[in-house]
């Protein structure tokens, strides 16, 4: 065996051997948290911030699409020569 495969093999064996079992916490799993009106006001404010930030995105996207459409419809002018 070369050094690289020996190192990889020892790393795999070490990770498998040194793994520990995770024990679930048994503390207070039956508690019910009731949100007060302040939490609802805060979440409403967060939703308002998101909506206010989305409005300029929509208008900018509309302007970009409108600009792309108008660039495709180029009008050629007929020039008369003498």
Protein backbone atom coordinates (compact mmCIF):
# COMPACT_ATOMS: atom_id res chain seq x y z
CA UNK A 1 0.00 0.00 0.00
CA UNK A 2 1.19 3.47 -0.75
CA UNK A 3 1.07 6.36 1.71
CA UNK A 4 -2.02 8.03 0.25
CA UNK A 5 -4.25 4.97 0.43
CA UNK A 6 -2.98 4.14 3.93
CA UNK A 7 -3.78 7.67 5.09
CA UNK A 8 -7.24 7.56 3.54
CA UNK A 9 -7.94 4.14 5.03
CA UNK A 10 -6.82 5.23 8.50
CA UNK A 11 -8.98 8.36 8.26
CA UNK A 12 -12.05 6.30 7.39
CA UNK A 13 -11.40 3.80 10.17
CA UNK A 14 -10.77 6.55 12.71
CA UNK A 15 -13.99 8.37 11.77
CA UNK A 16 -16.02 5.17 12.06
CA UNK A 17 -14.52 4.14 15.38
CA UNK A 18 -14.61 7.53 17.08
CA UNK A 19 -18.26 8.27 16.27
CA UNK A 20 -20.45 8.76 19.33
CA UNK A 21 -24.15 8.31 19.73
CA UNK A 22 -26.15 11.53 19.98
CA UNK A 23 -28.64 11.37 22.81
CA UNK A 24 -31.89 13.28 22.45
CA UNK A 25 -32.63 15.90 25.06
CA UNK A 26 -35.41 14.86 27.40
CA UNK A 27 -36.08 18.29 28.87
CA UNK A 28 -39.51 19.93 28.52
CA UNK A 29 -40.80 18.67 25.22
CA UNK A 30 -44.39 19.25 26.27
CA UNK A 31 -44.16 23.05 26.63
CA UNK A 32 -46.45 25.13 24.44
CA UNK A 33 -45.23 28.57 23.44
CA UNK A 34 -48.02 31.03 22.71
CA UNK A 35 -47.11 34.03 20.60
CA UNK A 36 -48.24 37.34 21.95
CA UNK A 37 -49.47 40.28 19.88
CA UNK A 38 -45.99 41.82 19.79
CA UNK A 39 -44.66 38.83 17.87
CA UNK A 40 -47.46 39.14 15.33
CA UNK A 41 -46.80 42.88 14.95
CA UNK A 42 -43.10 42.16 14.40
CA UNK A 43 -43.84 39.51 11.76
CA UNK A 44 -46.26 41.89 10.05
CA UNK A 45 -43.56 44.57 9.98
CA UNK A 46 -41.10 42.07 8.45
CA UNK A 47 -43.66 41.18 5.77
CA UNK A 48 -44.20 44.90 5.07
CA UNK A 49 -40.45 45.43 4.62
CA UNK A 50 -40.27 42.54 2.15
CA UNK A 51 -43.24 43.84 0.13
CA UNK A 52 -41.81 47.38 0.01
CA UNK A 53 -38.53 45.98 -1.31
CA UNK A 54 -40.25 43.85 -3.95
CA UNK A 55 -42.17 46.76 -5.53
CA UNK A 56 -39.06 48.43 -7.10
CA UNK A 57 -37.88 45.04 -8.35
CA UNK A 58 -41.15 44.48 -10.19
CA UNK A 59 -41.12 47.96 -11.75
CA UNK A 60 -37.47 47.58 -12.81
CA UNK A 61 -38.16 44.17 -14.33
CA UNK A 62 -41.16 45.59 -16.20
CA UNK A 63 -38.99 48.42 -17.54
CA UNK A 64 -36.29 45.99 -18.67
CA UNK A 65 -38.77 43.78 -20.50
CA UNK A 66 -40.39 46.85 -22.09
CA UNK A 67 -36.94 48.05 -23.19
CA UNK A 68 -36.11 44.69 -24.74
CA UNK A 69 -39.35 44.67 -26.70
CA UNK A 70 -38.85 48.19 -28.01
CA UNK A 71 -35.28 47.46 -29.12
CA UNK A 72 -36.54 44.59 -31.30
CA UNK A 73 -39.01 46.86 -33.08
CA UNK A 74 -36.55 49.17 -34.81
CA UNK A 75 -38.01 51.28 -37.56
CA UNK A 76 -35.90 51.76 -40.65
CA UNK A 77 -36.15 55.09 -42.42
CA UNK A 78 -36.27 55.30 -46.18
CA UNK A 79 -33.91 57.99 -47.46
CA UNK A 80 -34.36 59.35 -50.99
CA UNK A 81 -31.23 60.17 -52.90
CA UNK A 82 -31.09 62.61 -55.84
